[in-house]
C-alpha atoms as a PDB file:
ATOM      1  CA  MET A   1      27.803  16.817  -2.156  1.00  0.00           C
ATOM      2  CA  GLN A   2      27.784  14.240  -4.942  1.00  0.00           C
ATOM      3  CA  GLU A   3      28.268  11.507  -2.347  1.00  0.00           C
ATOM      4  CA  TYR A   4      25.171  12.646  -0.423  1.00  0.00           C
ATOM      5  CA  ILE A   5      23.105  12.862  -3.605  1.00  0.00           C
ATOM      6  CA  ALA A   6      24.178   9.349  -4.554  1.00  0.00           C
ATOM      7  CA  LYS A   7      23.220   8.087  -1.079  1.00  0.00           C
ATOM      8  CA  LEU A   8      19.794   9.713  -1.360  1.00  0.00           C
ATOM      9  CA  LYS A   9      19.301   7.994  -4.704  1.00  0.00           C
ATOM     10  CA  ASP A  10      20.222   4.685  -3.086  1.00  0.00           C
ATOM     11  CA  PHE A  11      17.643   5.195  -0.337  1.00  0.00           C
ATOM     12  CA  ASN A  12      15.076   6.195  -2.949  1.00  0.00           C
ATOM     13  CA  GLU A  13      15.766   2.968  -4.826  1.00  0.00           C
ATOM     14  CA  LEU A  14      15.639   1.019  -1.561  1.00  0.00           C
ATOM     15  CA  VAL A  15      12.080   2.051  -0.757  1.00  0.00           C
ATOM     16  CA  MET A  16      10.867   2.983  -4.279  1.00  0.00           C
ATOM     17  CA  PHE A  17       9.582   6.315  -3.011  1.00  0.00           C
ATOM     18  CA  GLU A  18       7.439   6.905  -6.098  1.00  0.00           C
ATOM     19  CA  HIS A  19       5.234   3.958  -5.127  1.00  0.00           C
ATOM     20  CA  SER A  20       3.839   5.967  -2.222  1.00  0.00           C
ATOM     21  CA  VAL A  21       1.081   6.796  -4.720  1.00  0.00           C
ATOM     22  CA  PHE A  22      -0.707   3.583  -3.735  1.00  0.00           C
ATOM     23  CA  SER A  23      -1.678   4.676  -0.225  1.00  0.00           C
ATOM     24  CA  LEU A  24      -1.836   8.483  -0.470  1.00  0.00           C
ATOM     25  CA  PRO A  25      -5.053   8.832  -2.525  1.00  0.00           C
ATOM     26  CA  PHE A  26      -7.094   6.700  -0.144  1.00  0.00           C
ATOM     27  CA  ILE A  27      -5.848   8.604   2.883  1.00  0.00           C
ATOM     28  CA  PHE A  28      -7.038  11.836   1.259  1.00  0.00           C
ATOM     29  CA  ILE A  29     -10.322  10.242   0.134  1.00  0.00           C
ATOM     30  CA  ALA A  30     -11.063   9.327   3.737  1.00  0.00           C
ATOM     31  CA  MET A  31     -10.054  12.786   4.941  1.00  0.00           C
ATOM     32  CA  ILE A  32     -12.290  14.516   2.387  1.00  0.00           C
ATOM     33  CA  VAL A  33     -15.302  12.392   3.300  1.00  0.00           C
ATOM     34  CA  ALA A  34     -14.675  12.798   7.030  1.00  0.00           C
ATOM     35  CA  ALA A  35     -14.385  16.575   6.692  1.00  0.00           C
ATOM     36  CA  ASP A  36     -17.233  16.755   4.151  1.00  0.00           C
ATOM     37  CA  GLY A  37     -14.882  18.699   1.907  1.00  0.00           C
ATOM     38  CA  TRP A  38     -11.565  20.475   2.354  1.00  0.00           C
ATOM     39  CA  PHE A  39      -9.748  19.525   5.555  1.00  0.00           C
ATOM     40  CA  GLY A  40      -7.024  22.208   5.545  1.00  0.00           C
ATOM     41  CA  PHE A  41      -3.363  22.524   4.586  1.00  0.00           C
ATOM     42  CA  TRP A  42      -2.127  21.475   8.021  1.00  0.00           C
ATOM     43  CA  LEU A  43      -3.780  18.058   7.829  1.00  0.00           C
ATOM     44  CA  LEU A  44      -2.796  17.764   4.163  1.00  0.00           C
ATOM     45  CA  CYS A  45       0.868  18.108   5.155  1.00  0.00           C
ATOM     46  CA  MET A  46       0.526  15.916   8.240  1.00  0.00           C
ATOM     47  CA  GLY A  47      -1.296  13.206   6.271  1.00  0.00           C
ATOM     48  CA  ALA A  48       1.388  13.202   3.598  1.00  0.00           C
ATOM     49  CA  PHE A  49       4.222  13.109   6.163  1.00  0.00           C
ATOM     50  CA  ALA A  50       2.548  10.271   8.068  1.00  0.00           C
ATOM     51  CA  ALA A  51       1.928   8.214   4.931  1.00  0.00           C
ATOM     52  CA  VAL A  52       5.443   8.663   3.540  1.00  0.00           C
ATOM     53  CA  SER A  53       7.244   8.034   6.847  1.00  0.00           C
ATOM     54  CA  ALA A  54       5.134   4.931   7.563  1.00  0.00           C
ATOM     55  CA  ARG A  55       5.809   3.543   4.107  1.00  0.00           C
ATOM     56  CA  ASN A  56       9.532   4.331   4.351  1.00  0.00           C
ATOM     57  CA  PHE A  57       9.620   2.525   7.694  1.00  0.00           C
ATOM     58  CA  ALA A  58       7.802  -0.498   6.262  1.00  0.00           C
ATOM     59  CA  MET A  59       9.876  -0.727   3.087  1.00  0.00           C
ATOM     60  CA  GLY A  60      13.149  -0.130   4.929  1.00  0.00           C
ATOM     61  CA  PHE A  61      12.290  -2.812   7.488  1.00  0.00           C
ATOM     62  CA  ASN A  62      11.314  -5.222   4.714  1.00  0.00           C
ATOM     63  CA  ARG A  63      14.556  -4.645   2.831  1.00  0.00           C
ATOM     64  CA  TYR A  64      16.553  -5.107   6.034  1.00  0.00           C
ATOM     65  CA  ALA A  65      14.743  -8.331   6.971  1.00  0.00           C
ATOM     66  CA  ASP A  66      14.947  -9.697   3.417  1.00  0.00           C
ATOM     67  CA  ARG A  67      18.649  -9.157   2.813  1.00  0.00           C
ATOM     68  CA  ASP A  68      19.308 -12.899   2.788  1.00  0.00           C
ATOM     69  CA  ILE A  69      16.411 -13.609   0.417  1.00  0.00           C
ATOM     70  CA  ASP A  70      17.062 -10.677  -1.921  1.00  0.00           C
ATOM     71  CA  ALA A  71      20.726 -11.642  -2.277  1.00  0.00           C
ATOM     72  CA  GLN A  72      19.693 -15.006  -3.763  1.00  0.00           C
ATOM     73  CA  ASN A  73      16.868 -13.842  -6.021  1.00  0.00           C
ATOM     74  CA  PRO A  74      18.047 -12.828  -9.534  1.00  0.00           C
ATOM     75  CA  ARG A  75      15.244 -10.234  -9.668  1.00  0.00           C
ATOM     76  CA  THR A  76      16.353  -8.478  -6.464  1.00  0.00           C
ATOM     77  CA  LYS A  77      20.074  -9.102  -6.059  1.00  0.00           C
ATOM     78  CA  GLY A  78      20.874  -5.665  -7.492  1.00  0.00           C
ATOM     79  CA  ARG A  79      19.007  -3.813  -4.738  1.00  0.00           C
ATOM     80  CA  PRO A  80      20.982  -1.392  -2.521  1.00  0.00           C
ATOM     81  CA  ASN A  81      20.377  -3.536   0.582  1.00  0.00           C
ATOM     82  CA  VAL A  82      22.368  -6.453  -0.847  1.00  0.00           C
ATOM     83  CA  ASP A  83      24.839  -5.072  -3.372  1.00  0.00           C
ATOM     84  CA  GLY A  84      26.874  -3.075  -0.842  1.00  0.00           C
ATOM     85  CA  ARG A  85      25.577   0.424  -1.515  1.00  0.00           C
ATOM     86  CA  LEU A  86      23.696   0.552   1.815  1.00  0.00           C
ATOM     87  CA  ASP A  87      24.936  -1.405   4.812  1.00  0.00           C
ATOM     88  CA  ALA A  88      22.809  -2.701   7.693  1.00  0.00           C
ATOM     89  CA  LYS A  89      23.701   0.249   9.931  1.00  0.00           C
ATOM     90  CA  ASN A  90      22.467   2.810   7.392  1.00  0.00           C
ATOM     91  CA  ILE A  91      19.252   0.899   6.776  1.00  0.00           C
ATOM     92  CA  LEU A  92      18.546   0.549  10.515  1.00  0.00           C
ATOM     93  CA  LEU A  93      19.119   4.279  10.957  1.00  0.00           C
ATOM     94  CA  PHE A  94      16.705   4.977   8.104  1.00  0.00           C
ATOM     95  CA  ILE A  95      14.104   2.700   9.698  1.00  0.00           C
ATOM     96  CA  GLY A  96      14.499   4.340  13.100  1.00  0.00           C
ATOM     97  CA  VAL A  97      14.288   7.899  11.799  1.00  0.00           C
ATOM     98  CA  ASN A  98      11.139   7.209   9.795  1.00  0.00           C
ATOM     99  CA  GLY A  99       9.514   5.307  12.655  1.00  0.00           C
ATOM    100  CA  LEU A 100      10.137   8.190  15.059  1.00  0.00           C
ATOM    101  CA  LEU A 101       8.943  10.712  12.466  1.00  0.00           C
ATOM    102  CA  PHE A 102       5.696   8.777  12.035  1.00  0.00           C
ATOM    103  CA  ILE A 103       5.082   8.686  15.800  1.00  0.00           C
ATOM    104  CA  ALA A 104       5.899  12.405  16.120  1.00  0.00           C
ATOM    105  CA  VAL A 105       3.535  13.353  13.300  1.00  0.00           C
ATOM    106  CA  ALA A 106       0.779  11.198  14.830  1.00  0.00           C
ATOM    107  CA  PHE A 107       1.278  12.980  18.168  1.00  0.00           C
ATOM    108  CA  MET A 108       0.930  16.365  16.465  1.00  0.00           C
ATOM    109  CA  ILE A 109      -2.326  15.290  14.800  1.00  0.00           C
ATOM    110  CA  ASN A 110      -4.285  14.040  17.839  1.00  0.00           C
ATOM    111  CA  MET A 111      -4.062  11.566  20.704  1.00  0.00           C
ATOM    112  CA  LEU A 112      -5.973   8.726  19.008  1.00  0.00           C
ATOM    113  CA  ALA A 113      -3.547   8.908  16.084  1.00  0.00           C
ATOM    114  CA  PHE A 114      -0.674   8.829  18.570  1.00  0.00           C
ATOM    115  CA  TYR A 115      -2.051   5.790  20.435  1.00  0.00           C
ATOM    116  CA  MET A 116      -2.455   3.960  17.116  1.00  0.00           C
ATOM    117  CA  SER A 117       1.011   4.819  15.773  1.00  0.00           C
ATOM    118  CA  ILE A 118       3.104   2.131  17.496  1.00  0.00           C
ATOM    119  CA  PRO A 119       0.637  -0.751  16.822  1.00  0.00           C
ATOM    120  CA  ILE A 120       0.582   0.353  13.180  1.00  0.00           C
ATOM    121  CA  LEU A 121       4.388   0.240  12.985  1.00  0.00           C
ATOM    122  CA  ILE A 122       4.393  -3.249  14.527  1.00  0.00           C
ATOM    123  CA  LEU A 123       1.906  -4.428  11.905  1.00  0.00           C
ATOM    124  CA  LEU A 124       3.936  -2.852   9.100  1.00  0.00           C
ATOM    125  CA  ALA A 125       7.071  -4.620  10.300  1.00  0.00           C
ATOM    126  CA  SER A 126       5.319  -7.991  10.699  1.00  0.00           C
ATOM    127  CA  TYR A 127       4.731  -8.356   6.968  1.00  0.00           C
ATOM    128  CA  SER A 128       8.434  -8.922   6.408  1.00  0.00           C
ATOM    129  CA  TYR A 129       8.330 -12.207   8.313  1.00  0.00           C
ATOM    130  CA  PHE A 130       4.936 -13.630   7.371  1.00  0.00           C
ATOM    131  CA  LYS A 131       6.062 -15.059   4.036  1.00  0.00           C
ATOM    132  CA  ARG A 132       8.564 -17.203   5.906  1.00  0.00           C
ATOM    133  CA  PHE A 133       5.770 -19.193   7.547  1.00  0.00           C
ATOM    134  CA  SER A 134       2.358 -18.226   6.120  1.00  0.00           C
ATOM    135  CA  SER A 135       0.739 -17.548   2.752  1.00  0.00           C
ATOM    136  CA  LEU A 136      -1.363 -14.906   4.527  1.00  0.00           C
ATOM    137  CA  ALA A 137       1.486 -12.456   3.866  1.00  0.00           C
ATOM    138  CA  HIS A 138      -0.521 -11.069   0.924  1.00  0.00           C
ATOM    139  CA  ILE A 139      -3.401 -10.227   3.257  1.00  0.00           C
ATOM    140  CA  VAL A 140      -1.025  -8.703   5.816  1.00  0.00           C
ATOM    141  CA  LEU A 141       0.353  -6.407   3.110  1.00  0.00           C
ATOM    142  CA  GLY A 142      -3.207  -5.478   2.178  1.00  0.00           C
ATOM    143  CA  LEU A 143      -4.004  -4.750   5.813  1.00  0.00           C
ATOM    144  CA  SER A 144      -0.889  -2.589   6.094  1.00  0.00           C
ATOM    145  CA  LEU A 145      -2.060  -0.298   3.296  1.00  0.00           C
ATOM    146  CA  GLY A 146      -5.702  -0.740   4.244  1.00  0.00           C
ATOM    147  CA  LEU A 147      -5.068   1.118   7.481  1.00  0.00           C
ATOM    148  CA  ALA A 148      -4.423   4.279   5.451  1.00  0.00           C
ATOM    149  CA  PRO A 149      -8.092   5.364   5.110  1.00  0.00           C
ATOM    150  CA  ILE A 150      -8.750   4.726   8.800  1.00  0.00           C
ATOM    151  CA  ALA A 151      -5.689   6.790   9.672  1.00  0.00           C
ATOM    152  CA  GLY A 152      -7.012   9.575   7.441  1.00  0.00           C
ATOM    153  CA  VAL A 153     -10.377   9.618   9.205  1.00  0.00           C
ATOM    154  CA  VAL A 154      -8.739   9.566  12.633  1.00  0.00           C
ATOM    155  CA  ALA A 155      -6.652  12.587  11.629  1.00  0.00           C
ATOM    156  CA  VAL A 156      -9.776  14.603  10.783  1.00  0.00           C
ATOM    157  CA  SER A 157     -12.385  13.426  13.286  1.00  0.00           C
ATOM    158  CA  GLU A 158     -10.489  11.419  15.939  1.00  0.00           C
ATOM    159  CA  SER A 159     -12.992   8.614  15.378  1.00  0.00           C
ATOM    160  CA  ILE A 160     -13.482   5.500  13.231  1.00  0.00           C
ATOM    161  CA  PRO A 161     -16.911   5.592  11.521  1.00  0.00           C
ATOM    162  CA  PRO A 162     -18.296   2.422   9.837  1.00  0.00           C
ATOM    163  CA  TRP A 163     -17.816   3.743   6.297  1.00  0.00           C
ATOM    164  CA  SER A 164     -14.053   4.113   6.876  1.00  0.00           C
ATOM    165  CA  ILE A 165     -13.791   0.437   7.811  1.00  0.00           C
ATOM    166  CA  ILE A 166     -15.664  -0.530   4.625  1.00  0.00           C
ATOM    167  CA  LEU A 167     -13.380   1.698   2.539  1.00  0.00           C
ATOM    168  CA  SER A 168     -10.376   0.071   4.206  1.00  0.00           C
ATOM    169  CA  LEU A 169     -11.678  -3.428   3.415  1.00  0.00           C
ATOM    170  CA  GLY A 170     -11.797  -2.414  -0.241  1.00  0.00           C
ATOM    171  CA  VAL A 171      -8.182  -1.257  -0.072  1.00  0.00           C
ATOM    172  CA  ILE A 172      -7.103  -4.439   1.745  1.00  0.00           C
ATOM    173  CA  PHE A 173      -8.457  -6.722  -0.991  1.00  0.00           C
ATOM    174  CA  TRP A 174      -7.259  -4.398  -3.757  1.00  0.00           C
ATOM    175  CA  VAL A 175      -3.679  -4.484  -2.466  1.00  0.00           C
ATOM    176  CA  ALA A 176      -3.726  -8.210  -1.682  1.00  0.00           C
ATOM    177  CA  GLY A 177      -5.099  -8.870  -5.162  1.00  0.00           C
ATOM    178  CA  PHE A 178      -2.384  -6.991  -7.007  1.00  0.00           C
ATOM    179  CA  ASP A 179       0.313  -8.352  -4.682  1.00  0.00           C
ATOM    180  CA  LEU A 180      -0.764 -11.842  -5.743  1.00  0.00           C
ATOM    181  CA  LEU A 181      -0.218 -10.862  -9.373  1.00  0.00           C
ATOM    182  CA  TYR A 182       3.156  -9.331  -8.576  1.00  0.00           C
ATOM    183  CA  SER A 183       4.282 -12.460  -6.710  1.00  0.00           C
ATOM    184  CA  LEU A 184       3.737 -14.577  -9.837  1.00  0.00           C
ATOM    185  CA  GLN A 185       7.204 -13.424 -10.908  1.00  0.00           C
ATOM    186  CA  ASP A 186       8.828 -15.410  -8.106  1.00  0.00           C
ATOM    187  CA  ILE A 187       6.987 -18.749  -8.217  1.00  0.00           C
ATOM    188  CA  ALA A 188      10.102 -20.834  -8.949  1.00  0.00           C
ATOM    189  CA  PHE A 189      12.269 -18.940  -6.468  1.00  0.00           C
ATOM    190  CA  ASP A 190       9.681 -19.125  -3.672  1.00  0.00           C
ATOM    191  CA  LYS A 191       9.257 -22.869  -4.191  1.00  0.00           C
ATOM    192  CA  GLU A 192      12.991 -23.462  -4.148  1.00  0.00           C
ATOM    193  CA  HIS A 193      13.480 -21.444  -0.955  1.00  0.00           C
ATOM    194  CA  HIS A 194      10.311 -22.631   0.805  1.00  0.00           C
ATOM    195  CA  LEU A 195       8.643 -19.224   0.978  1.00  0.00           C
ATOM    196  CA  TYR A 196       4.918 -19.311   1.631  1.00  0.00           C
ATOM    197  CA  SER A 197       3.475 -17.266  -1.205  1.00  0.00           C
ATOM    198  CA  ILE A 198       0.135 -18.349  -2.655  1.00  0.00           C
ATOM    199  CA  PRO A 199       1.652 -18.802  -6.163  1.00  0.00           C
ATOM    200  CA  SER A 200       4.372 -21.131  -4.847  1.00  0.00           C
ATOM    201  CA  LEU A 201       1.882 -23.203  -2.842  1.00  0.00           C
ATOM    202  CA  TYR A 202      -1.104 -23.371  -5.213  1.00  0.00           C
ATOM    203  CA  GLY A 203       0.186 -22.407  -8.660  1.00  0.00           C
ATOM    204  CA  ALA A 204      -0.488 -19.653 -11.181  1.00  0.00           C
ATOM    205  CA  ASP A 205      -4.084 -20.586 -12.084  1.00  0.00           C
ATOM    206  CA  ALA A 206      -5.235 -20.621  -8.460  1.00  0.00           C
ATOM    207  CA  THR A 207      -3.399 -17.332  -7.850  1.00  0.00           C
ATOM    208  CA  LEU A 208      -5.151 -15.647 -10.775  1.00  0.00           C
ATOM    209  CA  PHE A 209      -8.517 -16.895  -9.508  1.00  0.00           C
ATOM    210  CA  ILE A 210      -7.911 -15.664  -5.948  1.00  0.00           C
ATOM    211  CA  SER A 211      -6.618 -12.329  -7.226  1.00  0.00           C
ATOM    212  CA  THR A 212      -9.779 -11.888  -9.307  1.00  0.00           C
ATOM    213  CA  LEU A 213     -11.926 -12.795  -6.294  1.00  0.00           C
ATOM    214  CA  PHE A 214     -10.089 -10.275  -4.128  1.00  0.00           C
ATOM    215  CA  HIS A 215     -10.563  -7.530  -6.701  1.00  0.00           C
ATOM    216  CA  MET A 216     -14.266  -8.337  -6.967  1.00  0.00           C
ATOM    217  CA  LEU A 217     -14.495  -7.945  -3.190  1.00  0.00           C
ATOM    218  CA  SER A 218     -12.677  -4.608  -3.485  1.00  0.00           C
ATOM    219  CA  VAL A 219     -15.293  -3.288  -5.870  1.00  0.00           C
ATOM    220  CA  ILE A 220     -18.135  -4.540  -3.656  1.00  0.00           C
ATOM    221  CA  PHE A 221     -16.675  -2.896  -0.562  1.00  0.00           C
ATOM    222  CA  TRP A 222     -15.990   0.358  -2.406  1.00  0.00           C
ATOM    223  CA  GLY A 223     -19.582   0.401  -3.634  1.00  0.00           C
ATOM    224  CA  LEU A 224     -20.798  -0.176  -0.071  1.00  0.00           C
ATOM    225  CA  PHE A 225     -18.522   2.617   1.140  1.00  0.00           C
ATOM    226  CA  VAL A 226     -20.088   5.077  -1.289  1.00  0.00           C
ATOM    227  CA  TRP A 227     -23.586   4.016  -0.190  1.00  0.00           C
ATOM    228  CA  VAL A 228     -22.948   4.026   3.571  1.00  0.00           C
ATOM    229  CA  ALA A 229     -21.087   7.356   3.411  1.00  0.00           C
ATOM    230  CA  GLY A 230     -24.006   8.881   1.510  1.00  0.00           C
ATOM    231  CA  LEU A 231     -21.933  10.039  -1.449  1.00  0.00           C
ATOM    232  CA  GLY A 232     -23.259  11.027  -4.845  1.00  0.00           C
ATOM    233  CA  ILE A 233     -23.110  10.016  -8.498  1.00  0.00           C
ATOM    234  CA  PHE A 234     -19.470  10.936  -9.058  1.00  0.00           C
ATOM    235  CA  ALA A 235     -18.420   8.556  -6.277  1.00  0.00           C
ATOM    236  CA  TYR A 236     -20.317   5.734  -7.974  1.00  0.00           C
ATOM    237  CA  VAL A 237     -18.543   6.626 -11.223  1.00  0.00           C
ATOM    238  CA  ALA A 238     -15.255   6.270  -9.316  1.00  0.00           C
ATOM    239  CA  VAL A 239     -16.237   2.720  -8.350  1.00  0.00           C
ATOM    240  CA  ILE A 240     -17.195   1.895 -11.944  1.00  0.00           C
ATOM    241  CA  LEU A 241     -13.886   3.218 -13.275  1.00  0.00           C
ATOM    242  CA  ALA A 242     -11.979   1.285 -10.594  1.00  0.00           C
ATOM    243  CA  THR A 243     -13.826  -1.856 -11.703  1.00  0.00           C
ATOM    244  CA  VAL A 244     -12.793  -1.294 -15.320  1.00  0.00           C
ATOM    245  CA  MET A 245      -9.169  -0.672 -14.342  1.00  0.00           C
ATOM    246  CA  LEU A 246      -8.972  -3.783 -12.163  1.00  0.00           C
ATOM    247  CA  GLY A 247     -10.535  -5.812 -14.979  1.00  0.00           C
ATOM    248  CA  TYR A 248      -7.933  -4.456 -17.399  1.00  0.00           C
ATOM    249  CA  GLU A 249      -5.185  -5.346 -14.919  1.00  0.00           C
ATOM    250  CA  GLN A 250      -6.411  -8.927 -14.689  1.00  0.00           C
ATOM    251  CA  VAL A 251      -6.654  -9.294 -18.473  1.00  0.00           C
ATOM    252  CA  LEU A 252      -3.214  -7.750 -18.955  1.00  0.00           C
ATOM    253  CA  VAL A 253      -1.507 -10.244 -16.647  1.00  0.00           C
ATOM    254  CA  ARG A 254      -3.390 -13.234 -18.056  1.00  0.00           C
ATOM    255  CA  LYS A 255      -2.261 -12.386 -21.576  1.00  0.00           C
ATOM    256  CA  ASP A 256       1.393 -11.981 -20.725  1.00  0.00           C
ATOM    257  CA  PHE A 257       3.185 -12.437 -17.388  1.00  0.00           C
ATOM    258  CA  THR A 258       5.886 -10.046 -18.618  1.00  0.00           C
ATOM    259  CA  LYS A 259       3.270  -7.273 -18.268  1.00  0.00           C
ATOM    260  CA  ILE A 260       3.071  -7.776 -14.488  1.00  0.00           C
ATOM    261  CA  ASN A 261       5.122  -4.660 -13.706  1.00  0.00           C
ATOM    262  CA  ARG A 262       2.918  -2.569 -15.986  1.00  0.00           C
ATOM    263  CA  ALA A 263      -0.202  -3.917 -14.292  1.00  0.00           C
ATOM    264  CA  PHE A 264       1.256  -3.515 -10.808  1.00  0.00           C
ATOM    265  CA  PHE A 265       2.754  -0.045 -11.020  1.00  0.00           C
ATOM    266  CA  THR A 266       0.926   1.803 -13.797  1.00  0.00           C
ATOM    267  CA  VAL A 267      -2.677   0.619 -13.494  1.00  0.00           C
ATOM    268  CA  ASN A 268      -2.746   0.604  -9.705  1.00  0.00           C
ATOM    269  CA  GLY A 269      -0.973   3.937  -9.517  1.00  0.00           C
ATOM    270  CA  TYR A 270      -3.632   5.577 -11.692  1.00  0.00           C
ATOM    271  CA  LEU A 271      -6.528   3.823  -9.945  1.00  0.00           C
ATOM    272  CA  GLY A 272      -6.069   5.594  -6.622  1.00  0.00           C
ATOM    273  CA  PHE A 273      -5.760   9.027  -8.196  1.00  0.00           C
ATOM    274  CA  VAL A 274      -8.774   8.502 -10.463  1.00  0.00           C
ATOM    275  CA  PHE A 275     -10.793   7.470  -7.406  1.00  0.00           C
ATOM    276  CA  LEU A 276      -9.591  10.569  -5.514  1.00  0.00           C
ATOM    277  CA  VAL A 277     -10.418  12.952  -8.371  1.00  0.00           C
ATOM    278  CA  PHE A 278     -13.998  11.697  -8.600  1.00  0.00           C
ATOM    279  CA  ILE A 279     -14.501  11.897  -4.837  1.00  0.00           C
ATOM    280  CA  ILE A 280     -13.324  15.525  -5.021  1.00  0.00           C
ATOM    281  CA  LEU A 281     -15.755  16.141  -7.913  1.00  0.00           C
ATOM    282  CA  ASP A 282     -18.509  14.547  -5.867  1.00  0.00           C
ATOM    283  CA  LYS A 283     -17.916  16.957  -2.995  1.00  0.00           C
ATOM    284  CA  VAL A 284     -17.506  20.005  -5.241  1.00  0.00           C
ATOM    285  CA  LEU A 285     -20.380  19.406  -7.681  1.00  0.00           C
ATOM    286  CA  SER A 286     -22.937  17.388  -5.715  1.00  0.00           C
END
């Protein structure tokens, strides 16, 4: 039993399960707006299963593809995919199980979700290779998480309304913006190993500028989402609070690069849930 518990802990460390908080709130935001309120326990469970399995697939695939890179990076060489705790066979099995689970859940939701499931998995897997030849990897990561709101709407209405695309654009630039900040930790390593991150190609100052620009676009798109979806005052408050939190994140990193993890995990983790809470309030009290 202890061996199985230890293995589960290794898989948890492999994919950092707790970071699923980034995509889950925006899936539920989209589902709430699409349903004009509560969408039911069945879709709540299916949405959560789909989000977690898709993220596990993506993170597992990334760790498998990056074994050679992670083994050389001092920041990542202690990960389970390179220190011997999880071999390639176990990781591939994990990837396969989560990929099949995601497809199965999509099939149980509706046919549009099912038809989208395999293209989504292909996109999620593609991120792992982009940084080897293109600095657009940050955008690809943003797109990977940005699909979450569209998936949420599809689950409820089996359609893709314009407001869901606008909400997704906000998520895309939000994720790409904080991924740029996170990648500042590996400037020297990426340069040495010819990886195409924006920090390694253009430097820290340009990265901070682009990250700020991306986060400004996030706020603009989120404001447009609230307007196009016809939401109320609490939704606009959500956008204002998100603006403040992204501003704090930018200031935090500029003051001290050692605060990158705090900005990446803590601020962004709270942002999604704050946004979700105010969308719920908007539907309940408006």
